[in-house]
């Protein structure tokens, strides 16, 4: 019998007794199938991990009022500023993904709403993680396995209670819990070594909004006031002296405030 010398990608002959126990029957086994049978080869494609994952909680919510699943005005301001900041300071995203959104009741709408300005600014479509409500861990694992995300720059807007579970699926098992009214953090996971845990950096959005990459960013979105830690401002806050000074410092050509809408015009 001729035997092929074992090597990468080769198949190997073996023998076992036939059903009657009287002779030998041949079989052909590939290394991949043998490894899968022994449990030491993963079905995940090699080196399929993204280059970087940016993990954020959705923007600020209204403090009171059951059934209001939308961003507060402060949360909407945060979302717009993040859409200006992320491409300028972390590179343009290749994927934008959000926590589950109930299409009937709009429950969990804030994650999707937070992603919309970034979609508008970059042209990247938003995908909704349908299984994330029940298993965010699985969604994190799938993100590391799918070839579509390979070497990508993925931005995730999530529900705060499910974020540690998602982070565990992304290879970061020690993410701290997020408080009910904490919205300032941004977590950057960098996958520099294939198969190794990500390098994690926890940053403050408030501090990032003061950096040069944000201040000098060029975005199709208009500059808006920065979010604050106080109660959500009303539309009348656009006319406050502080807000106007903020916008004026951001605008390249300052005109003023539209009398009909009370909105700033650059």
Foldseek 3Di string as FASTA:
>chain_A
DDFDDDDPFDKGKDWDADPVRPDIDIDIGTPVRVCVVVPNDDPFDFQLAAQKEKEFEFFFPAPDDPLGQEHFLLRLLQLLLVLQQCCLPPNQFPAEEEEDADPPSRHNVRLVSSCVNNCVFRVHDYYYDNCQVPQLLVVLLVNRRDNVRRHTYYYYHYHQQSVLRNVVSVQHNPDDGDDPGDGFKMKMWGDPDTPHGTDIDIDGNVVSCVDPSSLVTDTPDQNFDHRDSDHRDDLLCCPDPVRVVVNVSNDPDFDAADPVRRHGDD
